[in-house]
PDB file of N, CA and C in Angstrom:
ATOM      1  N   MET A   1     126.095  61.022  21.613  1.00  0.00           N
ATOM      2  CA  MET A   1     127.060  61.017  22.685  1.00  0.00           C
ATOM      3  C   MET A   1     127.736  62.382  22.756  1.00  0.00           C
ATOM      4  N   SER A   2     127.871  62.887  23.940  1.00  0.00           N
ATOM      5  CA  SER A   2     128.436  64.215  24.147  1.00  0.00           C
ATOM      6  C   SER A   2     129.883  64.128  24.624  1.00  0.00           C
ATOM      7  N   THR A   3     130.805  64.587  23.785  1.00  0.00           N
ATOM      8  CA  THR A   3     132.205  64.608  24.207  1.00  0.00           C
ATOM      9  C   THR A   3     132.433  65.680  25.269  1.00  0.00           C
ATOM     10  N   GLU A   4     131.598  66.728  25.247  1.00  0.00           N
ATOM     11  CA  GLU A   4     131.712  67.766  26.273  1.00  0.00           C
ATOM     12  C   GLU A   4     131.422  67.185  27.656  1.00  0.00           C
ATOM     13  N   LEU A   5     130.412  66.322  27.727  1.00  0.00           N
ATOM     14  CA  LEU A   5     130.067  65.682  28.999  1.00  0.00           C
ATOM     15  C   LEU A   5     131.203  64.775  29.473  1.00  0.00           C
ATOM     16  N   LEU A   6     131.788  64.020  28.539  1.00  0.00           N
ATOM     17  CA  LEU A   6     132.914  63.160  28.903  1.00  0.00           C
ATOM     18  C   LEU A   6     134.090  64.008  29.391  1.00  0.00           C
ATOM     19  N   ALA A   7     134.367  65.104  28.699  1.00  0.00           N
ATOM     20  CA  ALA A   7     135.460  65.996  29.113  1.00  0.00           C
ATOM     21  C   ALA A   7     135.223  66.528  30.527  1.00  0.00           C
ATOM     22  N   GLU A   8     133.991  66.933  30.816  1.00  0.00           N
ATOM     23  CA  GLU A   8     133.655  67.422  32.161  1.00  0.00           C
ATOM     24  C   GLU A   8     133.864  66.340  33.217  1.00  0.00           C
ATOM     25  N   GLU A   9     133.412  65.120  32.906  1.00  0.00           N
ATOM     26  CA  GLU A   9     133.561  64.006  33.859  1.00  0.00           C
ATOM     27  C   GLU A   9     135.035  63.692  34.112  1.00  0.00           C
ATOM     28  N   LEU A  10     135.845  63.681  33.043  1.00  0.00           N
ATOM     29  CA  LEU A  10     137.267  63.388  33.200  1.00  0.00           C
ATOM     30  C   LEU A  10     137.965  64.455  34.043  1.00  0.00           C
ATOM     31  N   LYS A  11     137.573  65.709  33.856  1.00  0.00           N
ATOM     32  CA  LYS A  11     138.152  66.782  34.677  1.00  0.00           C
ATOM     33  C   LYS A  11     137.677  66.673  36.122  1.00  0.00           C
ATOM     34  N   LYS A  12     136.387  66.340  36.295  1.00  0.00           N
ATOM     35  CA  LYS A  12     135.802  66.249  37.634  1.00  0.00           C
ATOM     36  C   LYS A  12     136.496  65.185  38.487  1.00  0.00           C
ATOM     37  N   ILE A  13     136.813  64.053  37.879  1.00  0.00           N
ATOM     38  CA  ILE A  13     137.475  62.982  38.637  1.00  0.00           C
ATOM     39  C   ILE A  13     139.001  63.102  38.571  1.00  0.00           C
ATOM     40  N   ARG A  14     139.472  64.205  38.028  1.00  0.00           N
ATOM     41  CA  ARG A  14     140.897  64.536  37.930  1.00  0.00           C
ATOM     42  C   ARG A  14     141.692  63.534  37.108  1.00  0.00           C
ATOM     43  N   ALA A  15     141.070  62.970  36.085  1.00  0.00           N
ATOM     44  CA  ALA A  15     141.777  62.068  35.176  1.00  0.00           C
ATOM     45  C   ALA A  15     142.568  62.860  34.141  1.00  0.00           C
ATOM     46  N   CYS A  16     142.104  64.078  33.846  1.00  0.00           N
ATOM     47  CA  CYS A  16     142.766  64.948  32.868  1.00  0.00           C
ATOM     48  C   CYS A  16     142.714  66.382  33.368  1.00  0.00           C
ATOM     49  N   SER A  17     143.824  67.072  33.253  1.00  0.00           N
ATOM     50  CA  SER A  17     143.820  68.482  33.644  1.00  0.00           C
ATOM     51  C   SER A  17     143.433  69.380  32.473  1.00  0.00           C
ATOM     52  N   LYS A  18     143.734  68.935  31.267  1.00  0.00           N
ATOM     53  CA  LYS A  18     143.429  69.713  30.061  1.00  0.00           C
ATOM     54  C   LYS A  18     142.883  68.757  29.002  1.00  0.00           C
ATOM     55  N   ILE A  19     141.763  69.124  28.378  1.00  0.00           N
ATOM     56  CA  ILE A  19     141.176  68.281  27.339  1.00  0.00           C
ATOM     57  C   ILE A  19     140.883  69.136  26.115  1.00  0.00           C
ATOM     58  N   VAL A  20     141.331  68.637  24.951  1.00  0.00           N
ATOM     59  CA  VAL A  20     141.106  69.330  23.687  1.00  0.00           C
ATOM     60  C   VAL A  20     140.509  68.336  22.701  1.00  0.00           C
ATOM     61  N   GLU A  21     139.444  68.743  22.023  1.00  0.00           N
ATOM     62  CA  GLU A  21     138.872  67.889  20.984  1.00  0.00           C
ATOM     63  C   GLU A  21     139.674  68.104  19.709  1.00  0.00           C
ATOM     64  N   ILE A  22     140.285  67.047  19.210  1.00  0.00           N
ATOM     65  CA  ILE A  22     141.132  67.122  18.026  1.00  0.00           C
ATOM     66  C   ILE A  22     140.337  66.873  16.761  1.00  0.00           C
ATOM     67  N   GLU A  23     139.424  65.920  16.828  1.00  0.00           N
ATOM     68  CA  GLU A  23     138.666  65.513  15.648  1.00  0.00           C
ATOM     69  C   GLU A  23     137.260  65.121  16.083  1.00  0.00           C
ATOM     70  N   SER A  24     136.289  65.443  15.250  1.00  0.00           N
ATOM     71  CA  SER A  24     134.916  65.049  15.543  1.00  0.00           C
ATOM     72  C   SER A  24     134.198  64.745  14.240  1.00  0.00           C
ATOM     73  N   SER A  25     133.590  63.576  14.186  1.00  0.00           N
ATOM     74  CA  SER A  25     132.782  63.192  13.028  1.00  0.00           C
ATOM     75  C   SER A  25     131.502  62.559  13.560  1.00  0.00           C
ATOM     76  N   GLY A  26     130.643  62.131  12.691  1.00  0.00           N
ATOM     77  CA  GLY A  26     129.411  61.503  13.123  1.00  0.00           C
ATOM     78  C   GLY A  26     129.632  60.187  13.840  1.00  0.00           C
ATOM     79  N   GLU A  27     130.760  59.556  13.573  1.00  0.00           N
ATOM     80  CA  GLU A  27     131.024  58.240  14.143  1.00  0.00           C
ATOM     81  C   GLU A  27     131.950  58.252  15.356  1.00  0.00           C
ATOM     82  N   CYS A  28     132.844  59.229  15.420  1.00  0.00           N
ATOM     83  CA  CYS A  28     133.881  59.196  16.451  1.00  0.00           C
ATOM     84  C   CYS A  28     134.376  60.599  16.774  1.00  0.00           C
ATOM     85  N   SER A  29     134.844  60.761  17.998  1.00  0.00           N
ATOM     86  CA  SER A  29     135.523  61.991  18.415  1.00  0.00           C
ATOM     87  C   SER A  29     136.866  61.603  19.011  1.00  0.00           C
ATOM     88  N   LEU A  30     137.864  62.436  18.744  1.00  0.00           N
ATOM     89  CA  LEU A  30     139.195  62.197  19.288  1.00  0.00           C
ATOM     90  C   LEU A  30     139.534  63.322  20.248  1.00  0.00           C
ATOM     91  N   LEU A  31     139.861  62.940  21.476  1.00  0.00           N
ATOM     92  CA  LEU A  31     140.208  63.904  22.516  1.00  0.00           C
ATOM     93  C   LEU A  31     141.673  63.756  22.896  1.00  0.00           C
ATOM     94  N   TYR A  32     142.300  64.896  23.202  1.00  0.00           N
ATOM     95  CA  TYR A  32     143.640  64.897  23.779  1.00  0.00           C
ATOM     96  C   TYR A  32     143.476  65.206  25.255  1.00  0.00           C
ATOM     97  N   CYS A  33     143.972  64.327  26.090  1.00  0.00           N
ATOM     98  CA  CYS A  33     143.896  64.484  27.544  1.00  0.00           C
ATOM     99  C   CYS A  33     145.307  64.771  28.029  1.00  0.00           C
ATOM    100  N   GLY A  34     145.555  66.021  28.404  1.00  0.00           N
ATOM    101  CA  GLY A  34     146.900  66.425  28.771  1.00  0.00           C
ATOM    102  C   GLY A  34     147.135  66.435  30.268  1.00  0.00           C
ATOM    103  N   ASP A  35     148.245  65.899  30.649  1.00  0.00           N
ATOM    104  CA  ASP A  35     148.755  65.894  32.017  1.00  0.00           C
ATOM    105  C   ASP A  35     150.267  65.949  31.892  1.00  0.00           C
ATOM    106  N   GLU A  36     150.980  65.291  32.812  1.00  0.00           N
ATOM    107  CA  GLU A  36     152.430  65.211  32.673  1.00  0.00           C
ATOM    108  C   GLU A  36     152.786  64.482  31.382  1.00  0.00           C
ATOM    109  N   ASP A  37     152.030  63.484  31.037  1.00  0.00           N
ATOM    110  CA  ASP A  37     152.111  62.795  29.754  1.00  0.00           C
ATOM    111  C   ASP A  37     150.700  62.790  29.196  1.00  0.00           C
ATOM    112  N   GLY A  38     150.564  63.029  27.917  1.00  0.00           N
ATOM    113  CA  GLY A  38     149.233  63.082  27.327  1.00  0.00           C
ATOM    114  C   GLY A  38     148.775  61.745  26.779  1.00  0.00           C
ATOM    115  N   VAL A  39     147.462  61.610  26.668  1.00  0.00           N
ATOM    116  CA  VAL A  39     146.872  60.444  26.024  1.00  0.00           C
ATOM    117  C   VAL A  39     145.854  60.915  24.993  1.00  0.00           C
ATOM    118  N   LEU A  40     145.664  60.100  23.978  1.00  0.00           N
ATOM    119  CA  LEU A  40     144.626  60.324  22.984  1.00  0.00           C
ATOM    120  C   LEU A  40     143.490  59.371  23.302  1.00  0.00           C
ATOM    121  N   ILE A  41     142.262  59.874  23.238  1.00  0.00           N
ATOM    122  CA  ILE A  41     141.091  59.060  23.547  1.00  0.00           C
ATOM    123  C   ILE A  41     140.120  59.159  22.378  1.00  0.00           C
ATOM    124  N   ALA A  42     139.944  58.056  21.665  1.00  0.00           N
ATOM    125  CA  ALA A  42     138.951  57.985  20.593  1.00  0.00           C
ATOM    126  C   ALA A  42     137.664  57.460  21.218  1.00  0.00           C
ATOM    127  N   VAL A  43     136.567  58.191  21.024  1.00  0.00           N
ATOM    128  CA  VAL A  43     135.301  57.869  21.688  1.00  0.00           C
ATOM    129  C   VAL A  43     134.208  57.685  20.642  1.00  0.00           C
ATOM    130  N   ALA A  44     133.394  56.646  20.821  1.00  0.00           N
ATOM    131  CA  ALA A  44     132.276  56.390  19.915  1.00  0.00           C
ATOM    132  C   ALA A  44     131.149  55.728  20.710  1.00  0.00           C
ATOM    133  N   SER A  45     130.019  55.560  20.058  1.00  0.00           N
ATOM    134  CA  SER A  45     128.894  54.887  20.717  1.00  0.00           C
ATOM    135  C   SER A  45     128.263  53.893  19.752  1.00  0.00           C
ATOM    136  N   TYR A  46     127.611  52.913  20.333  1.00  0.00           N
ATOM    137  CA  TYR A  46     126.927  51.881  19.561  1.00  0.00           C
ATOM    138  C   TYR A  46     125.712  51.453  20.373  1.00  0.00           C
ATOM    139  N   TYR A  47     124.538  51.769  19.864  1.00  0.00           N
ATOM    140  CA  TYR A  47     123.291  51.532  20.584  1.00  0.00           C
ATOM    141  C   TYR A  47     123.379  52.120  21.988  1.00  0.00           C
ATOM    142  N   ASP A  48     123.229  51.301  23.028  1.00  0.00           N
ATOM    143  CA  ASP A  48     123.247  51.804  24.406  1.00  0.00           C
ATOM    144  C   ASP A  48     124.643  51.863  25.018  1.00  0.00           C
ATOM    145  N   TRP A  49     125.654  51.548  24.236  1.00  0.00           N
ATOM    146  CA  TRP A  49     127.018  51.499  24.746  1.00  0.00           C
ATOM    147  C   TRP A  49     127.813  52.718  24.294  1.00  0.00           C
ATOM    148  N   VAL A  50     128.721  53.167  25.151  1.00  0.00           N
ATOM    149  CA  VAL A  50     129.749  54.132  24.762  1.00  0.00           C
ATOM    150  C   VAL A  50     131.081  53.424  24.971  1.00  0.00           C
ATOM    151  N   TYR A  51     132.009  53.667  24.085  1.00  0.00           N
ATOM    152  CA  TYR A  51     133.303  53.017  24.224  1.00  0.00           C
ATOM    153  C   TYR A  51     134.413  53.962  23.797  1.00  0.00           C
ATOM    154  N   ALA A  52     135.595  53.655  24.263  1.00  0.00           N
ATOM    155  CA  ALA A  52     136.747  54.501  23.975  1.00  0.00           C
ATOM    156  C   ALA A  52     137.991  53.639  23.886  1.00  0.00           C
ATOM    157  N   LYS A  53     138.930  54.120  23.098  1.00  0.00           N
ATOM    158  CA  LYS A  53     140.259  53.516  23.099  1.00  0.00           C
ATOM    159  C   LYS A  53     141.235  54.624  23.434  1.00  0.00           C
ATOM    160  N   MET A  54     142.108  54.334  24.365  1.00  0.00           N
ATOM    161  CA  MET A  54     143.064  55.319  24.848  1.00  0.00           C
ATOM    162  C   MET A  54     144.477  54.838  24.538  1.00  0.00           C
ATOM    163  N   VAL A  55     145.294  55.736  23.964  1.00  0.00           N
ATOM    164  CA  VAL A  55     146.703  55.450  23.709  1.00  0.00           C
ATOM    165  C   VAL A  55     147.533  56.632  24.198  1.00  0.00           C
ATOM    166  N   ALA A  56     148.750  56.360  24.598  1.00  0.00           N
ATOM    167  CA  ALA A  56     149.664  57.439  24.980  1.00  0.00           C
ATOM    168  C   ALA A  56     149.995  58.250  23.742  1.00  0.00           C
ATOM    169  N   GLU A  57     150.132  59.560  23.900  1.00  0.00           N
ATOM    170  CA  GLU A  57     150.376  60.413  22.743  1.00  0.00           C
ATOM    171  C   GLU A  57     151.651  60.025  22.006  1.00  0.00           C
ATOM    172  N   GLY A  58     152.643  59.502  22.696  1.00  0.00           N
ATOM    173  CA  GLY A  58     153.882  59.091  22.052  1.00  0.00           C
ATOM    174  C   GLY A  58     153.762  57.826  21.228  1.00  0.00           C
ATOM    175  N   SER A  59     152.634  57.125  21.340  1.00  0.00           N
ATOM    176  CA  SER A  59     152.430  55.886  20.590  1.00  0.00           C
ATOM    177  C   SER A  59     152.126  56.132  19.119  1.00  0.00           C
ATOM    178  N   LEU A  60     151.670  57.333  18.801  1.00  0.00           N
ATOM    179  CA  LEU A  60     151.337  57.685  17.417  1.00  0.00           C
ATOM    180  C   LEU A  60     152.007  59.001  17.058  1.00  0.00           C
ATOM    181  N   LYS A  61     152.525  59.079  15.867  1.00  0.00           N
ATOM    182  CA  LYS A  61     153.094  60.339  15.392  1.00  0.00           C
ATOM    183  C   LYS A  61     151.958  61.331  15.166  1.00  0.00           C
ATOM    184  N   PRO A  62     152.215  62.623  15.343  1.00  0.00           N
ATOM    185  CA  PRO A  62     151.144  63.629  15.246  1.00  0.00           C
ATOM    186  C   PRO A  62     150.324  63.592  13.955  1.00  0.00           C
ATOM    187  N   HIS A  63     150.937  63.247  12.832  1.00  0.00           N
ATOM    188  CA  HIS A  63     150.152  63.194  11.590  1.00  0.00           C
ATOM    189  C   HIS A  63     149.184  62.003  11.568  1.00  0.00           C
ATOM    190  N   MET A  64     149.292  61.128  12.554  1.00  0.00           N
ATOM    191  CA  MET A  64     148.413  59.962  12.646  1.00  0.00           C
ATOM    192  C   MET A  64     147.346  60.131  13.727  1.00  0.00           C
ATOM    193  N   TRP A  65     147.187  61.338  14.247  1.00  0.00           N
ATOM    194  CA  TRP A  65     146.205  61.576  15.306  1.00  0.00           C
ATOM    195  C   TRP A  65     144.814  61.684  14.709  1.00  0.00           C
ATOM    196  N   HIS A  66     144.227  60.529  14.411  1.00  0.00           N
ATOM    197  CA  HIS A  66     142.863  60.425  13.888  1.00  0.00           C
ATOM    198  C   HIS A  66     142.191  59.244  14.578  1.00  0.00           C
ATOM    199  N   CYS A  67     140.874  59.285  14.648  1.00  0.00           N
ATOM    200  CA  CYS A  67     140.130  58.200  15.307  1.00  0.00           C
ATOM    201  C   CYS A  67     140.516  56.833  14.760  1.00  0.00           C
ATOM    202  N   SER A  68     140.540  56.708  13.440  1.00  0.00           N
ATOM    203  CA  SER A  68     140.816  55.401  12.842  1.00  0.00           C
ATOM    204  C   SER A  68     142.195  54.889  13.241  1.00  0.00           C
ATOM    205  N   GLU A  69     143.179  55.764  13.294  1.00  0.00           N
ATOM    206  CA  GLU A  69     144.528  55.345  13.688  1.00  0.00           C
ATOM    207  C   GLU A  69     144.559  54.890  15.145  1.00  0.00           C
ATOM    208  N   VAL A  70     143.851  55.600  16.005  1.00  0.00           N
ATOM    209  CA  VAL A  70     143.815  55.224  17.423  1.00  0.00           C
ATOM    210  C   VAL A  70     143.139  53.864  17.584  1.00  0.00           C
ATOM    211  N   PHE A  71     142.013  53.655  16.894  1.00  0.00           N
ATOM    212  CA  PHE A  71     141.306  52.384  17.029  1.00  0.00           C
ATOM    213  C   PHE A  71     142.105  51.209  16.470  1.00  0.00           C
ATOM    214  N   TYR A  72     142.923  51.435  15.440  1.00  0.00           N
ATOM    215  CA  TYR A  72     143.620  50.322  14.794  1.00  0.00           C
ATOM    216  C   TYR A  72     145.050  50.094  15.252  1.00  0.00           C
ATOM    217  N   THR A  73     145.619  51.013  16.027  1.00  0.00           N
ATOM    218  CA  THR A  73     146.973  50.766  16.520  1.00  0.00           C
ATOM    219  C   THR A  73     146.949  49.613  17.524  1.00  0.00           C
ATOM    220  N   PRO A  74     148.009  48.810  17.556  1.00  0.00           N
ATOM    221  CA  PRO A  74     148.020  47.699  18.514  1.00  0.00           C
ATOM    222  C   PRO A  74     148.237  48.144  19.961  1.00  0.00           C
ATOM    223  N   TYR A  75     148.574  49.398  20.162  1.00  0.00           N
ATOM    224  CA  TYR A  75     148.820  49.905  21.508  1.00  0.00           C
ATOM    225  C   TYR A  75     147.553  50.508  22.089  1.00  0.00           C
ATOM    226  N   GLY A  76     147.503  50.606  23.393  1.00  0.00           N
ATOM    227  CA  GLY A  76     146.365  51.227  24.054  1.00  0.00           C
ATOM    228  C   GLY A  76     145.377  50.216  24.603  1.00  0.00           C
ATOM    229  N   LEU A  77     144.343  50.765  25.241  1.00  0.00           N
ATOM    230  CA  LEU A  77     143.330  49.927  25.876  1.00  0.00           C
ATOM    231  C   LEU A  77     141.932  50.440  25.563  1.00  0.00           C
ATOM    232  N   TYR A  78     141.000  49.513  25.426  1.00  0.00           N
ATOM    233  CA  TYR A  78     139.588  49.847  25.223  1.00  0.00           C
ATOM    234  C   TYR A  78     138.866  49.896  26.563  1.00  0.00           C
ATOM    235  N   SER A  79     137.806  50.700  26.604  1.00  0.00           N
ATOM    236  CA  SER A  79     136.882  50.735  27.739  1.00  0.00           C
ATOM    237  C   SER A  79     135.470  50.768  27.183  1.00  0.00           C
ATOM    238  N   PHE A  80     134.582  49.990  27.769  1.00  0.00           N
ATOM    239  CA  PHE A  80     133.182  49.934  27.345  1.00  0.00           C
ATOM    240  C   PHE A  80     132.302  50.244  28.546  1.00  0.00           C
ATOM    241  N   ALA A  81     131.236  51.012  28.317  1.00  0.00           N
ATOM    242  CA  ALA A  81     130.366  51.395  29.433  1.00  0.00           C
ATOM    243  C   ALA A  81     128.959  51.701  28.932  1.00  0.00           C
ATOM    244  N   ARG A  82     128.034  51.788  29.882  1.00  0.00           N
ATOM    245  CA  ARG A  82     126.641  52.138  29.578  1.00  0.00           C
ATOM    246  C   ARG A  82     126.363  53.621  29.776  1.00  0.00           C
ATOM    247  N   SER A  83     127.298  54.332  30.444  1.00  0.00           N
ATOM    248  CA  SER A  83     127.098  55.765  30.679  1.00  0.00           C
ATOM    249  C   SER A  83     128.431  56.494  30.546  1.00  0.00           C
ATOM    250  N   ILE A  84     128.350  57.800  30.348  1.00  0.00           N
ATOM    251  CA  ILE A  84     129.552  58.625  30.230  1.00  0.00           C
ATOM    252  C   ILE A  84     130.343  58.610  31.545  1.00  0.00           C
ATOM    253  N   GLY A  85     129.650  58.682  32.671  1.00  0.00           N
ATOM    254  CA  GLY A  85     130.328  58.652  33.967  1.00  0.00           C
ATOM    255  C   GLY A  85     131.106  57.368  34.179  1.00  0.00           C
ATOM    256  N   GLU A  86     130.487  56.247  33.834  1.00  0.00           N
ATOM    257  CA  GLU A  86     131.157  54.950  33.964  1.00  0.00           C
ATOM    258  C   GLU A  86     132.362  54.881  33.030  1.00  0.00           C
ATOM    259  N   LEU A  87     132.216  55.392  31.806  1.00  0.00           N
ATOM    260  CA  LEU A  87     133.322  55.392  30.854  1.00  0.00           C
ATOM    261  C   LEU A  87     134.487  56.232  31.379  1.00  0.00           C
ATOM    262  N   ALA A  88     134.192  57.394  31.921  1.00  0.00           N
ATOM    263  CA  ALA A  88     135.242  58.261  32.472  1.00  0.00           C
ATOM    264  C   ALA A  88     135.999  57.548  33.594  1.00  0.00           C
ATOM    265  N   ARG A  89     135.289  56.859  34.472  1.00  0.00           N
ATOM    266  CA  ARG A  89     135.944  56.126  35.566  1.00  0.00           C
ATOM    267  C   ARG A  89     136.849  55.018  35.026  1.00  0.00           C
ATOM    268  N   LYS A  90     136.377  54.299  34.017  1.00  0.00           N
ATOM    269  CA  LYS A  90     137.180  53.216  33.441  1.00  0.00           C
ATOM    270  C   LYS A  90     138.426  53.764  32.748  1.00  0.00           C
ATOM    271  N   ILE A  91     138.279  54.897  32.062  1.00  0.00           N
ATOM    272  CA  ILE A  91     139.437  55.532  31.424  1.00  0.00           C
ATOM    273  C   ILE A  91     140.464  55.915  32.488  1.00  0.00           C
ATOM    274  N   ALA A  92     140.002  56.522  33.574  1.00  0.00           N
ATOM    275  CA  ALA A  92     140.906  56.937  34.655  1.00  0.00           C
ATOM    276  C   ALA A  92     141.640  55.740  35.263  1.00  0.00           C
ATOM    277  N   GLU A  93     140.939  54.619  35.422  1.00  0.00           N
ATOM    278  CA  GLU A  93     141.551  53.419  36.001  1.00  0.00           C
ATOM    279  C   GLU A  93     142.631  52.837  35.095  1.00  0.00           C
ATOM    280  N   LYS A  94     142.435  52.927  33.782  1.00  0.00           N
ATOM    281  CA  LYS A  94     143.363  52.305  32.837  1.00  0.00           C
ATOM    282  C   LYS A  94     144.511  53.217  32.411  1.00  0.00           C
ATOM    283  N   LYS A  95     144.424  54.473  32.755  1.00  0.00           N
ATOM    284  CA  LYS A  95     145.440  55.436  32.316  1.00  0.00           C
ATOM    285  C   LYS A  95     146.865  55.037  32.726  1.00  0.00           C
ATOM    286  N   PRO A  96     147.118  54.589  33.965  1.00  0.00           N
ATOM    287  CA  PRO A  96     148.491  54.181  34.326  1.00  0.00           C
ATOM    288  C   PRO A  96     149.014  53.014  33.480  1.00  0.00           C
ATOM    289  N   ILE A  97     148.135  52.117  33.096  1.00  0.00           N
ATOM    290  CA  ILE A  97     148.551  50.980  32.272  1.00  0.00           C
ATOM    291  C   ILE A  97     148.959  51.461  30.887  1.00  0.00           C
ATOM    292  N   VAL A  98     148.216  52.420  30.352  1.00  0.00           N
ATOM    293  CA  VAL A  98     148.543  52.971  29.033  1.00  0.00           C
ATOM    294  C   VAL A  98     149.909  53.652  29.071  1.00  0.00           C
ATOM    295  N   TYR A  99     150.198  54.370  30.150  1.00  0.00           N
ATOM    296  CA  TYR A  99     151.516  54.999  30.271  1.00  0.00           C
ATOM    297  C   TYR A  99     152.621  53.945  30.290  1.00  0.00           C
ATOM    298  N   ALA A 100     152.360  52.804  30.919  1.00  0.00           N
ATOM    299  CA  ALA A 100     153.351  51.729  30.956  1.00  0.00           C
ATOM    300  C   ALA A 100     153.614  51.177  29.559  1.00  0.00           C
ATOM    301  N   GLN A 101     152.599  51.203  28.696  1.00  0.00           N
ATOM    302  CA  GLN A 101     152.768  50.727  27.324  1.00  0.00           C
ATOM    303  C   GLN A 101     153.575  51.699  26.471  1.00  0.00           C
ATOM    304  N   THR A 102     153.671  52.948  26.893  1.00  0.00           N
ATOM    305  CA  THR A 102     154.338  53.977  26.101  1.00  0.00           C
ATOM    306  C   THR A 102     155.773  53.596  25.771  1.00  0.00           C
ATOM    307  N   ARG A 103     156.469  53.089  26.747  1.00  0.00           N
ATOM    308  CA  ARG A 103     157.870  52.736  26.525  1.00  0.00           C
ATOM    309  C   ARG A 103     158.014  51.717  25.404  1.00  0.00           C
ATOM    310  N   LEU A 104     157.195  50.698  25.410  1.00  0.00           N
ATOM    311  CA  LEU A 104     157.235  49.691  24.358  1.00  0.00           C
ATOM    312  C   LEU A 104     156.922  50.315  23.002  1.00  0.00           C
ATOM    313  N   ALA A 105     155.901  51.161  22.949  1.00  0.00           N
ATOM    314  CA  ALA A 105     155.518  51.798  21.688  1.00  0.00           C
ATOM    315  C   ALA A 105     156.639  52.670  21.142  1.00  0.00           C
ATOM    316  N   LEU A 106     157.284  53.440  21.998  1.00  0.00           N
ATOM    317  CA  LEU A 106     158.376  54.310  21.553  1.00  0.00           C
ATOM    318  C   LEU A 106     159.558  53.502  21.037  1.00  0.00           C
ATOM    319  N   GLU A 107     159.831  52.371  21.661  1.00  0.00           N
ATOM    320  CA  GLU A 107     160.902  51.499  21.175  1.00  0.00           C
ATOM    321  C   GLU A 107     160.576  50.969  19.783  1.00  0.00           C
ATOM    322  N   ARG A 108     159.325  50.586  19.566  1.00  0.00           N
ATOM    323  CA  ARG A 108     158.913  50.067  18.254  1.00  0.00           C
ATOM    324  C   ARG A 108     158.987  51.146  17.177  1.00  0.00           C
ATOM    325  N   LEU A 109     158.539  52.358  17.498  1.00  0.00           N
ATOM    326  CA  LEU A 109     158.604  53.456  16.534  1.00  0.00           C
ATOM    327  C   LEU A 109     160.049  53.785  16.180  1.00  0.00           C
ATOM    328  N   ALA A 110     160.943  53.735  17.150  1.00  0.00           N
ATOM    329  CA  ALA A 110     162.357  53.997  16.892  1.00  0.00           C
ATOM    330  C   ALA A 110     162.936  52.943  15.951  1.00  0.00           C
ATOM    331  N   GLU A 111     162.529  51.692  16.120  1.00  0.00           N
ATOM    332  CA  GLU A 111     162.986  50.621  15.233  1.00  0.00           C
ATOM    333  C   GLU A 111     162.503  50.842  13.806  1.00  0.00           C
ATOM    334  N   MET A 112     161.281  51.330  13.648  1.00  0.00           N
ATOM    335  CA  MET A 112     160.718  51.560  12.313  1.00  0.00           C
ATOM    336  C   MET A 112     161.442  52.694  11.593  1.00  0.00           C
ATOM    337  N   GLU A 113     161.965  53.663  12.327  1.00  0.00           N
ATOM    338  CA  GLU A 113     162.649  54.799  11.719  1.00  0.00           C
ATOM    339  C   GLU A 113     164.064  54.457  11.277  1.00  0.00           C
ATOM    340  N   GLU A 114     164.627  53.393  11.797  1.00  0.00           N
ATOM    341  CA  GLU A 114     166.010  53.021  11.454  1.00  0.00           C
ATOM    342  C   GLU A 114     166.117  52.501  10.050  1.00  0.00           C
TER     343      GLU A 114
END
């Protein structure tokens, strides 16, 4: 699976203005998709499927920006697809919902710090 191709597709459909690969391993890649508010996108593949989990950047503290943390946090949304183009479209469609979850996540993190 090519994260470069996904980054190009996300830029092409204007889902992300800036994309940075934060982490890459044989199993997963973590992308930062920057706009007015950023999101983290953990991307992996399984046989003929590509899938991603997207969380708002405020949902995880910076030291937790790793694929495993993104996949296991209760916040965010998954997308499953058969192609990179389809995955990019699904990510773009779900992005507003992820931003709506940000407020809840920030409230929970504030409670944990008290």
